[in-house]
Amino acid sequence: MQIEIDGNEDFIDNLREELYNEETKKLTQAQKDLLRGLKIFRVDEECIIVIMLMTQKAFQTEMMIDYIISHEKATQEELLSKAMEISKLKGKSH
């Protein structure tokens, strides 16, 4: 799996900051909610960053949050797989 890092350095920095500082305002509320959900699922930091990179668009973030809410027992691997699936979507059709 190849994740595009170039051009996303600032986003990654903001994510790393958010992982340790709940007061940052650099992520949208939906992204903060997704991040909080991934932490609750005990997803490791590297996987969180990959998932967040793959679901940066607002509709993708919302879809990922919906998935987490409806799959309370999802594993880290299942969450990553769903994020990959969502990342391939171009529009709001879910």
PDB file of N, CA and C in Angstrom:
ATOM      1  N   MET A   1       0.847  -1.176   0.000  1.00  0.00           N
ATOM      2  CA  MET A   1       0.000   0.000   0.000  1.00  0.00           C
ATOM      3  C   MET A   1       0.887   1.232   0.000  1.00  0.00           C
ATOM      4  N   GLN A   2       0.595   2.174  -0.891  1.00  0.00           N
ATOM      5  CA  GLN A   2       1.364   3.416  -0.998  1.00  0.00           C
ATOM      6  C   GLN A   2       0.479   4.586  -0.591  1.00  0.00           C
ATOM      7  N   ILE A   3       0.898   5.308   0.424  1.00  0.00           N
ATOM      8  CA  ILE A   3       0.180   6.497   0.885  1.00  0.00           C
ATOM      9  C   ILE A   3       0.985   7.713   0.467  1.00  0.00           C
ATOM     10  N   GLU A   4       0.323   8.671  -0.162  1.00  0.00           N
ATOM     11  CA  GLU A   4       0.985   9.891  -0.619  1.00  0.00           C
ATOM     12  C   GLU A   4       1.281  10.784   0.579  1.00  0.00           C
ATOM     13  N   ILE A   5       2.565  11.003   0.837  1.00  0.00           N
ATOM     14  CA  ILE A   5       2.986  11.837   1.960  1.00  0.00           C
ATOM     15  C   ILE A   5       3.266  13.262   1.486  1.00  0.00           C
ATOM     16  N   ASP A   6       3.872  13.398   0.310  1.00  0.00           N
ATOM     17  CA  ASP A   6       4.206  14.729  -0.200  1.00  0.00           C
ATOM     18  C   ASP A   6       2.960  15.598  -0.251  1.00  0.00           C
ATOM     19  N   GLY A   7       3.079  16.798   0.270  1.00  0.00           N
ATOM     20  CA  GLY A   7       1.961  17.718   0.296  1.00  0.00           C
ATOM     21  C   GLY A   7       1.062  17.529   1.511  1.00  0.00           C
ATOM     22  N   ASN A   8       1.289  16.476   2.267  1.00  0.00           N
ATOM     23  CA  ASN A   8       0.481  16.203   3.459  1.00  0.00           C
ATOM     24  C   ASN A   8       1.270  16.376   4.748  1.00  0.00           C
ATOM     25  N   GLU A   9       2.481  16.918   4.653  1.00  0.00           N
ATOM     26  CA  GLU A   9       3.323  17.047   5.834  1.00  0.00           C
ATOM     27  C   GLU A   9       2.665  17.885   6.922  1.00  0.00           C
ATOM     28  N   ASP A  10       2.032  18.999   6.536  1.00  0.00           N
ATOM     29  CA  ASP A  10       1.369  19.850   7.528  1.00  0.00           C
ATOM     30  C   ASP A  10       0.219  19.104   8.196  1.00  0.00           C
ATOM     31  N   PHE A  11      -0.559  18.364   7.409  1.00  0.00           N
ATOM     32  CA  PHE A  11      -1.670  17.595   7.965  1.00  0.00           C
ATOM     33  C   PHE A  11      -1.144  16.561   8.958  1.00  0.00           C
ATOM     34  N   ILE A  12      -0.063  15.881   8.595  1.00  0.00           N
ATOM     35  CA  ILE A  12       0.528  14.878   9.481  1.00  0.00           C
ATOM     36  C   ILE A  12       1.026  15.535  10.762  1.00  0.00           C
ATOM     37  N   ASP A  13       1.680  16.680  10.630  1.00  0.00           N
ATOM     38  CA  ASP A  13       2.140  17.414  11.820  1.00  0.00           C
ATOM     39  C   ASP A  13       0.966  17.787  12.712  1.00  0.00           C
ATOM     40  N   ASN A  14      -0.135  18.253  12.104  1.00  0.00           N
ATOM     41  CA  ASN A  14      -1.324  18.608  12.877  1.00  0.00           C
ATOM     42  C   ASN A  14      -1.900  17.381  13.581  1.00  0.00           C
ATOM     43  N   LEU A  15      -1.884  16.235  12.898  1.00  0.00           N
ATOM     44  CA  LEU A  15      -2.381  15.005  13.515  1.00  0.00           C
ATOM     45  C   LEU A  15      -1.516  14.615  14.701  1.00  0.00           C
ATOM     46  N   ARG A  16      -0.211  14.677  14.517  1.00  0.00           N
ATOM     47  CA  ARG A  16       0.687  14.326  15.620  1.00  0.00           C
ATOM     48  C   ARG A  16       0.454  15.250  16.809  1.00  0.00           C
ATOM     49  N   GLU A  17       0.283  16.550  16.536  1.00  0.00           N
ATOM     50  CA  GLU A  17      -0.001  17.500  17.600  1.00  0.00           C
ATOM     51  C   GLU A  17      -1.316  17.158  18.282  1.00  0.00           C
ATOM     52  N   GLU A  18      -2.318  16.810  17.498  1.00  0.00           N
ATOM     53  CA  GLU A  18      -3.638  16.482  18.031  1.00  0.00           C
ATOM     54  C   GLU A  18      -3.591  15.213  18.890  1.00  0.00           C
ATOM     55  N   LEU A  19      -2.732  14.283  18.533  1.00  0.00           N
ATOM     56  CA  LEU A  19      -2.614  13.052  19.308  1.00  0.00           C
ATOM     57  C   LEU A  19      -2.200  13.346  20.747  1.00  0.00           C
ATOM     58  N   TYR A  20      -1.482  14.431  20.941  1.00  0.00           N
ATOM     59  CA  TYR A  20      -0.948  14.738  22.264  1.00  0.00           C
ATOM     60  C   TYR A  20      -1.547  15.981  22.888  1.00  0.00           C
ATOM     61  N   ASN A  21      -2.282  16.793  22.114  1.00  0.00           N
ATOM     62  CA  ASN A  21      -2.789  18.059  22.628  1.00  0.00           C
ATOM     63  C   ASN A  21      -4.223  18.259  22.158  1.00  0.00           C
ATOM     64  N   GLU A  22      -5.166  18.048  23.034  1.00  0.00           N
ATOM     65  CA  GLU A  22      -6.583  18.155  22.680  1.00  0.00           C
ATOM     66  C   GLU A  22      -7.018  19.592  22.382  1.00  0.00           C
ATOM     67  N   GLU A  23      -6.199  20.580  22.675  1.00  0.00           N
ATOM     68  CA  GLU A  23      -6.593  21.981  22.523  1.00  0.00           C
ATOM     69  C   GLU A  23      -6.336  22.547  21.119  1.00  0.00           C
ATOM     70  N   THR A  24      -5.627  21.827  20.276  1.00  0.00           N
ATOM     71  CA  THR A  24      -5.311  22.364  18.954  1.00  0.00           C
ATOM     72  C   THR A  24      -6.580  22.585  18.136  1.00  0.00           C
ATOM     73  N   LYS A  25      -6.572  23.590  17.292  1.00  0.00           N
ATOM     74  CA  LYS A  25      -7.739  23.948  16.475  1.00  0.00           C
ATOM     75  C   LYS A  25      -7.491  23.674  14.990  1.00  0.00           C
ATOM     76  N   LYS A  26      -6.470  22.902  14.671  1.00  0.00           N
ATOM     77  CA  LYS A  26      -6.060  22.736  13.284  1.00  0.00           C
ATOM     78  C   LYS A  26      -6.824  21.647  12.538  1.00  0.00           C
ATOM     79  N   LEU A  27      -7.576  20.816  13.235  1.00  0.00           N
ATOM     80  CA  LEU A  27      -8.379  19.791  12.588  1.00  0.00           C
ATOM     81  C   LEU A  27      -9.848  20.173  12.703  1.00  0.00           C
ATOM     82  N   THR A  28     -10.653  19.700  11.762  1.00  0.00           N
ATOM     83  CA  THR A  28     -12.091  19.957  11.848  1.00  0.00           C
ATOM     84  C   THR A  28     -12.666  19.188  13.033  1.00  0.00           C
ATOM     85  N   GLN A  29     -13.868  19.556  13.444  1.00  0.00           N
ATOM     86  CA  GLN A  29     -14.507  18.839  14.558  1.00  0.00           C
ATOM     87  C   GLN A  29     -14.718  17.382  14.197  1.00  0.00           C
ATOM     88  N   ALA A  30     -15.116  17.111  12.962  1.00  0.00           N
ATOM     89  CA  ALA A  30     -15.325  15.720  12.542  1.00  0.00           C
ATOM     90  C   ALA A  30     -14.009  14.939  12.610  1.00  0.00           C
ATOM     91  N   GLN A  31     -12.908  15.554  12.175  1.00  0.00           N
ATOM     92  CA  GLN A  31     -11.609  14.885  12.244  1.00  0.00           C
ATOM     93  C   GLN A  31     -11.212  14.629  13.692  1.00  0.00           C
ATOM     94  N   LYS A  32     -11.501  15.588  14.573  1.00  0.00           N
ATOM     95  CA  LYS A  32     -11.215  15.389  15.999  1.00  0.00           C
ATOM     96  C   LYS A  32     -12.050  14.244  16.552  1.00  0.00           C
ATOM     97  N   ASP A  33     -13.323  14.168  16.134  1.00  0.00           N
ATOM     98  CA  ASP A  33     -14.200  13.090  16.587  1.00  0.00           C
ATOM     99  C   ASP A  33     -13.681  11.736  16.103  1.00  0.00           C
ATOM    100  N   LEU A  34     -13.268  11.676  14.837  1.00  0.00           N
ATOM    101  CA  LEU A  34     -12.720  10.439  14.295  1.00  0.00           C
ATOM    102  C   LEU A  34     -11.460  10.051  15.056  1.00  0.00           C
ATOM    103  N   LEU A  35     -10.597  11.002  15.274  1.00  0.00           N
ATOM    104  CA  LEU A  35      -9.357  10.744  16.004  1.00  0.00           C
ATOM    105  C   LEU A  35      -9.656  10.198  17.397  1.00  0.00           C
ATOM    106  N   ARG A  36     -10.604  10.804  18.075  1.00  0.00           N
ATOM    107  CA  ARG A  36     -10.993  10.352  19.418  1.00  0.00           C
ATOM    108  C   ARG A  36     -11.534   8.916  19.356  1.00  0.00           C
ATOM    109  N   GLY A  37     -12.346   8.633  18.339  1.00  0.00           N
ATOM    110  CA  GLY A  37     -12.879   7.285  18.171  1.00  0.00           C
ATOM    111  C   GLY A  37     -11.792   6.257  17.928  1.00  0.00           C
ATOM    112  N   LEU A  38     -10.820   6.620  17.104  1.00  0.00           N
ATOM    113  CA  LEU A  38      -9.719   5.695  16.825  1.00  0.00           C
ATOM    114  C   LEU A  38      -8.890   5.442  18.082  1.00  0.00           C
ATOM    115  N   LYS A  39      -8.720   6.470  18.904  1.00  0.00           N
ATOM    116  CA  LYS A  39      -8.008   6.289  20.170  1.00  0.00           C
ATOM    117  C   LYS A  39      -8.775   5.341  21.092  1.00  0.00           C
ATOM    118  N   ILE A  40     -10.097   5.484  21.126  1.00  0.00           N
ATOM    119  CA  ILE A  40     -10.926   4.613  21.963  1.00  0.00           C
ATOM    120  C   ILE A  40     -10.766   3.158  21.522  1.00  0.00           C
ATOM    121  N   PHE A  41     -10.628   2.947  20.210  1.00  0.00           N
ATOM    122  CA  PHE A  41     -10.430   1.600  19.672  1.00  0.00           C
ATOM    123  C   PHE A  41      -8.990   1.110  19.861  1.00  0.00           C
ATOM    124  N   ARG A  42      -8.163   1.935  20.487  1.00  0.00           N
ATOM    125  CA  ARG A  42      -6.748   1.610  20.761  1.00  0.00           C
ATOM    126  C   ARG A  42      -5.959   1.342  19.479  1.00  0.00           C
ATOM    127  N   VAL A  43      -6.270   2.118  18.445  1.00  0.00           N
ATOM    128  CA  VAL A  43      -5.529   2.035  17.188  1.00  0.00           C
ATOM    129  C   VAL A  43      -4.180   2.719  17.413  1.00  0.00           C
ATOM    130  N   ASP A  44      -3.100   2.088  16.931  1.00  0.00           N
ATOM    131  CA  ASP A  44      -1.782   2.673  17.166  1.00  0.00           C
ATOM    132  C   ASP A  44      -1.584   3.945  16.329  1.00  0.00           C
ATOM    133  N   GLU A  45      -0.636   4.766  16.747  1.00  0.00           N
ATOM    134  CA  GLU A  45      -0.435   6.094  16.158  1.00  0.00           C
ATOM    135  C   GLU A  45      -0.197   6.045  14.655  1.00  0.00           C
ATOM    136  N   GLU A  46       0.632   5.122  14.193  1.00  0.00           N
ATOM    137  CA  GLU A  46       0.929   5.043  12.762  1.00  0.00           C
ATOM    138  C   GLU A  46      -0.326   4.713  11.961  1.00  0.00           C
ATOM    139  N   CYS A  47      -1.129   3.821  12.473  1.00  0.00           N
ATOM    140  CA  CYS A  47      -2.363   3.435  11.788  1.00  0.00           C
ATOM    141  C   CYS A  47      -3.373   4.589  11.806  1.00  0.00           C
ATOM    142  N   ILE A  48      -3.430   5.321  12.917  1.00  0.00           N
ATOM    143  CA  ILE A  48      -4.305   6.489  12.988  1.00  0.00           C
ATOM    144  C   ILE A  48      -3.941   7.478  11.895  1.00  0.00           C
ATOM    145  N   ILE A  49      -2.657   7.734  11.739  1.00  0.00           N
ATOM    146  CA  ILE A  49      -2.208   8.697  10.726  1.00  0.00           C
ATOM    147  C   ILE A  49      -2.601   8.223   9.331  1.00  0.00           C
ATOM    148  N   VAL A  50      -2.417   6.948   9.050  1.00  0.00           N
ATOM    149  CA  VAL A  50      -2.777   6.405   7.735  1.00  0.00           C
ATOM    150  C   VAL A  50      -4.283   6.542   7.512  1.00  0.00           C
ATOM    151  N   ILE A  51      -5.080   6.162   8.501  1.00  0.00           N
ATOM    152  CA  ILE A  51      -6.536   6.255   8.369  1.00  0.00           C
ATOM    153  C   ILE A  51      -6.964   7.700   8.159  1.00  0.00           C
ATOM    154  N   MET A  52      -6.383   8.609   8.928  1.00  0.00           N
ATOM    155  CA  MET A  52      -6.754  10.020   8.804  1.00  0.00           C
ATOM    156  C   MET A  52      -6.342  10.588   7.445  1.00  0.00           C
ATOM    157  N   LEU A  53      -5.200  10.169   6.928  1.00  0.00           N
ATOM    158  CA  LEU A  53      -4.777  10.616   5.603  1.00  0.00           C
ATOM    159  C   LEU A  53      -5.722  10.104   4.517  1.00  0.00           C
ATOM    160  N   MET A  54      -6.198   8.883   4.686  1.00  0.00           N
ATOM    161  CA  MET A  54      -7.069   8.292   3.672  1.00  0.00           C
ATOM    162  C   MET A  54      -8.489   8.836   3.733  1.00  0.00           C
ATOM    163  N   THR A  55      -8.856   9.479   4.824  1.00  0.00           N
ATOM    164  CA  THR A  55     -10.231   9.958   4.982  1.00  0.00           C
ATOM    165  C   THR A  55     -10.262  11.462   5.273  1.00  0.00           C
ATOM    166  N   GLN A  56      -9.457  12.228   4.550  1.00  0.00           N
ATOM    167  CA  GLN A  56      -9.355  13.668   4.790  1.00  0.00           C
ATOM    168  C   GLN A  56     -10.576  14.455   4.345  1.00  0.00           C
ATOM    169  N   LYS A  57     -11.234  14.013   3.274  1.00  0.00           N
ATOM    170  CA  LYS A  57     -12.406  14.752   2.789  1.00  0.00           C
ATOM    171  C   LYS A  57     -13.534  14.609   3.796  1.00  0.00           C
ATOM    172  N   ALA A  58     -14.344  15.645   3.928  1.00  0.00           N
ATOM    173  CA  ALA A  58     -15.399  15.669   4.947  1.00  0.00           C
ATOM    174  C   ALA A  58     -16.316  14.452   4.847  1.00  0.00           C
ATOM    175  N   PHE A  59     -16.763  14.107   3.637  1.00  0.00           N
ATOM    176  CA  PHE A  59     -17.674  12.968   3.501  1.00  0.00           C
ATOM    177  C   PHE A  59     -16.989  11.661   3.878  1.00  0.00           C
ATOM    178  N   GLN A  60     -15.666  11.562   3.622  1.00  0.00           N
ATOM    179  CA  GLN A  60     -14.932  10.352   3.985  1.00  0.00           C
ATOM    180  C   GLN A  60     -14.806  10.236   5.507  1.00  0.00           C
ATOM    181  N   THR A  61     -14.528  11.360   6.154  1.00  0.00           N
ATOM    182  CA  THR A  61     -14.431  11.376   7.612  1.00  0.00           C
ATOM    183  C   THR A  61     -15.756  10.947   8.222  1.00  0.00           C
ATOM    184  N   GLU A  62     -16.857  11.491   7.705  1.00  0.00           N
ATOM    185  CA  GLU A  62     -18.185  11.140   8.205  1.00  0.00           C
ATOM    186  C   GLU A  62     -18.481   9.658   7.997  1.00  0.00           C
ATOM    187  N   MET A  63     -18.113   9.134   6.846  1.00  0.00           N
ATOM    188  CA  MET A  63     -18.339   7.715   6.575  1.00  0.00           C
ATOM    189  C   MET A  63     -17.548   6.841   7.541  1.00  0.00           C
ATOM    190  N   MET A  64     -16.312   7.247   7.831  1.00  0.00           N
ATOM    191  CA  MET A  64     -15.474   6.472   8.748  1.00  0.00           C
ATOM    192  C   MET A  64     -16.056   6.515  10.160  1.00  0.00           C
ATOM    193  N   ILE A  65     -16.537   7.674  10.581  1.00  0.00           N
ATOM    194  CA  ILE A  65     -17.167   7.793  11.900  1.00  0.00           C
ATOM    195  C   ILE A  65     -18.403   6.888  11.960  1.00  0.00           C
ATOM    196  N   ASP A  66     -19.223   6.925  10.909  1.00  0.00           N
ATOM    197  CA  ASP A  66     -20.417   6.074  10.855  1.00  0.00           C
ATOM    198  C   ASP A  66     -20.045   4.597  10.970  1.00  0.00           C
ATOM    199  N   TYR A  67     -18.969   4.212  10.297  1.00  0.00           N
ATOM    200  CA  TYR A  67     -18.516   2.819  10.351  1.00  0.00           C
ATOM    201  C   TYR A  67     -18.116   2.438  11.780  1.00  0.00           C
ATOM    202  N   ILE A  68     -17.354   3.304  12.417  1.00  0.00           N
ATOM    203  CA  ILE A  68     -16.904   3.027  13.786  1.00  0.00           C
ATOM    204  C   ILE A  68     -18.103   2.878  14.723  1.00  0.00           C
ATOM    205  N   ILE A  69     -19.072   3.774  14.589  1.00  0.00           N
ATOM    206  CA  ILE A  69     -20.252   3.736  15.454  1.00  0.00           C
ATOM    207  C   ILE A  69     -21.029   2.433  15.276  1.00  0.00           C
ATOM    208  N   SER A  70     -21.110   1.964  14.044  1.00  0.00           N
ATOM    209  CA  SER A  70     -21.907   0.762  13.783  1.00  0.00           C
ATOM    210  C   SER A  70     -21.110  -0.539  13.878  1.00  0.00           C
ATOM    211  N   HIS A  71     -19.809  -0.442  14.126  1.00  0.00           N
ATOM    212  CA  HIS A  71     -18.959  -1.639  14.243  1.00  0.00           C
ATOM    213  C   HIS A  71     -18.102  -1.522  15.505  1.00  0.00           C
ATOM    214  N   GLU A  72     -18.756  -1.626  16.646  1.00  0.00           N
ATOM    215  CA  GLU A  72     -18.102  -1.391  17.926  1.00  0.00           C
ATOM    216  C   GLU A  72     -16.978  -2.371  18.242  1.00  0.00           C
ATOM    217  N   LYS A  73     -16.973  -3.507  17.586  1.00  0.00           N
ATOM    218  CA  LYS A  73     -15.948  -4.512  17.862  1.00  0.00           C
ATOM    219  C   LYS A  73     -14.926  -4.627  16.732  1.00  0.00           C
ATOM    220  N   ALA A  74     -14.868  -3.629  15.863  1.00  0.00           N
ATOM    221  CA  ALA A  74     -13.940  -3.666  14.732  1.00  0.00           C
ATOM    222  C   ALA A  74     -12.494  -3.688  15.223  1.00  0.00           C
ATOM    223  N   THR A  75     -11.682  -4.461  14.537  1.00  0.00           N
ATOM    224  CA  THR A  75     -10.250  -4.504  14.851  1.00  0.00           C
ATOM    225  C   THR A  75      -9.534  -3.371  14.115  1.00  0.00           C
ATOM    226  N   GLN A  76      -8.308  -3.140  14.495  1.00  0.00           N
ATOM    227  CA  GLN A  76      -7.494  -2.138  13.815  1.00  0.00           C
ATOM    228  C   GLN A  76      -7.391  -2.454  12.325  1.00  0.00           C
ATOM    229  N   GLU A  77      -7.219  -3.714  12.005  1.00  0.00           N
ATOM    230  CA  GLU A  77      -7.097  -4.121  10.606  1.00  0.00           C
ATOM    231  C   GLU A  77      -8.390  -3.865   9.840  1.00  0.00           C
ATOM    232  N   GLU A  78      -9.524  -4.119  10.479  1.00  0.00           N
ATOM    233  CA  GLU A  78     -10.817  -3.857   9.836  1.00  0.00           C
ATOM    234  C   GLU A  78     -11.026  -2.359   9.619  1.00  0.00           C
ATOM    235  N   LEU A  79     -10.609  -1.549  10.589  1.00  0.00           N
ATOM    236  CA  LEU A  79     -10.723  -0.097  10.446  1.00  0.00           C
ATOM    237  C   LEU A  79      -9.843   0.408   9.305  1.00  0.00           C
ATOM    238  N   LEU A  80      -8.646  -0.114   9.216  1.00  0.00           N
ATOM    239  CA  LEU A  80      -7.738   0.276   8.142  1.00  0.00           C
ATOM    240  C   LEU A  80      -8.289  -0.146   6.784  1.00  0.00           C
ATOM    241  N   SER A  81      -8.832  -1.335   6.714  1.00  0.00           N
ATOM    242  CA  SER A  81      -9.415  -1.822   5.467  1.00  0.00           C
ATOM    243  C   SER A  81     -10.589  -0.940   5.030  1.00  0.00           C
ATOM    244  N   LYS A  82     -11.442  -0.577   5.980  1.00  0.00           N
ATOM    245  CA  LYS A  82     -12.581   0.280   5.657  1.00  0.00           C
ATOM    246  C   LYS A  82     -12.099   1.655   5.194  1.00  0.00           C
ATOM    247  N   ALA A  83     -11.072   2.196   5.842  1.00  0.00           N
ATOM    248  CA  ALA A  83     -10.521   3.495   5.429  1.00  0.00           C
ATOM    249  C   ALA A  83      -9.996   3.422   3.999  1.00  0.00           C
ATOM    250  N   MET A  84      -9.345   2.306   3.646  1.00  0.00           N
ATOM    251  CA  MET A  84      -8.856   2.142   2.271  1.00  0.00           C
ATOM    252  C   MET A  84     -10.021   2.137   1.290  1.00  0.00           C
ATOM    253  N   GLU A  85     -11.079   1.431   1.647  1.00  0.00           N
ATOM    254  CA  GLU A  85     -12.284   1.369   0.800  1.00  0.00           C
ATOM    255  C   GLU A  85     -12.888   2.770   0.636  1.00  0.00           C
ATOM    256  N   ILE A  86     -13.017   3.497   1.726  1.00  0.00           N
ATOM    257  CA  ILE A  86     -13.592   4.845   1.703  1.00  0.00           C
ATOM    258  C   ILE A  86     -12.715   5.793   0.896  1.00  0.00           C
ATOM    259  N   SER A  87     -11.398   5.636   0.986  1.00  0.00           N
ATOM    260  CA  SER A  87     -10.484   6.557   0.300  1.00  0.00           C
ATOM    261  C   SER A  87     -10.635   6.507  -1.218  1.00  0.00           C
ATOM    262  N   LYS A  88     -11.174   5.407  -1.731  1.00  0.00           N
ATOM    263  CA  LYS A  88     -11.341   5.245  -3.179  1.00  0.00           C
ATOM    264  C   LYS A  88     -12.603   5.930  -3.708  1.00  0.00           C
ATOM    265  N   LEU A  89     -13.487   6.336  -2.796  1.00  0.00           N
ATOM    266  CA  LEU A  89     -14.731   6.981  -3.208  1.00  0.00           C
ATOM    267  C   LEU A  89     -14.473   8.427  -3.592  1.00  0.00           C
ATOM    268  N   LYS A  90     -15.110   8.875  -4.642  1.00  0.00           N
ATOM    269  CA  LYS A  90     -14.885  10.231  -5.167  1.00  0.00           C
ATOM    270  C   LYS A  90     -15.954  11.217  -4.754  1.00  0.00           C
ATOM    271  N   GLY A  91     -17.117  10.728  -4.378  1.00  0.00           N
ATOM    272  CA  GLY A  91     -18.223  11.640  -4.047  1.00  0.00           C
ATOM    273  C   GLY A  91     -18.916  11.216  -2.782  1.00  0.00           C
ATOM    274  N   LYS A  92     -20.073  11.786  -2.559  1.00  0.00           N
ATOM    275  CA  LYS A  92     -20.806  11.536  -1.321  1.00  0.00           C
ATOM    276  C   LYS A  92     -21.691  10.305  -1.346  1.00  0.00           C
ATOM    277  N   SER A  93     -21.577   9.454  -2.325  1.00  0.00           N
ATOM    278  CA  SER A  93     -22.451   8.282  -2.374  1.00  0.00           C
ATOM    279  C   SER A  93     -21.933   7.211  -1.434  1.00  0.00           C
ATOM    280  N   HIS A  94     -22.726   6.872  -0.406  1.00  0.00           N
ATOM    281  CA  HIS A  94     -22.355   5.769   0.453  1.00  0.00           C
ATOM    282  C   HIS A  94     -23.465   4.836   0.617  1.00  0.00           C
TER     283      HIS A  94
END
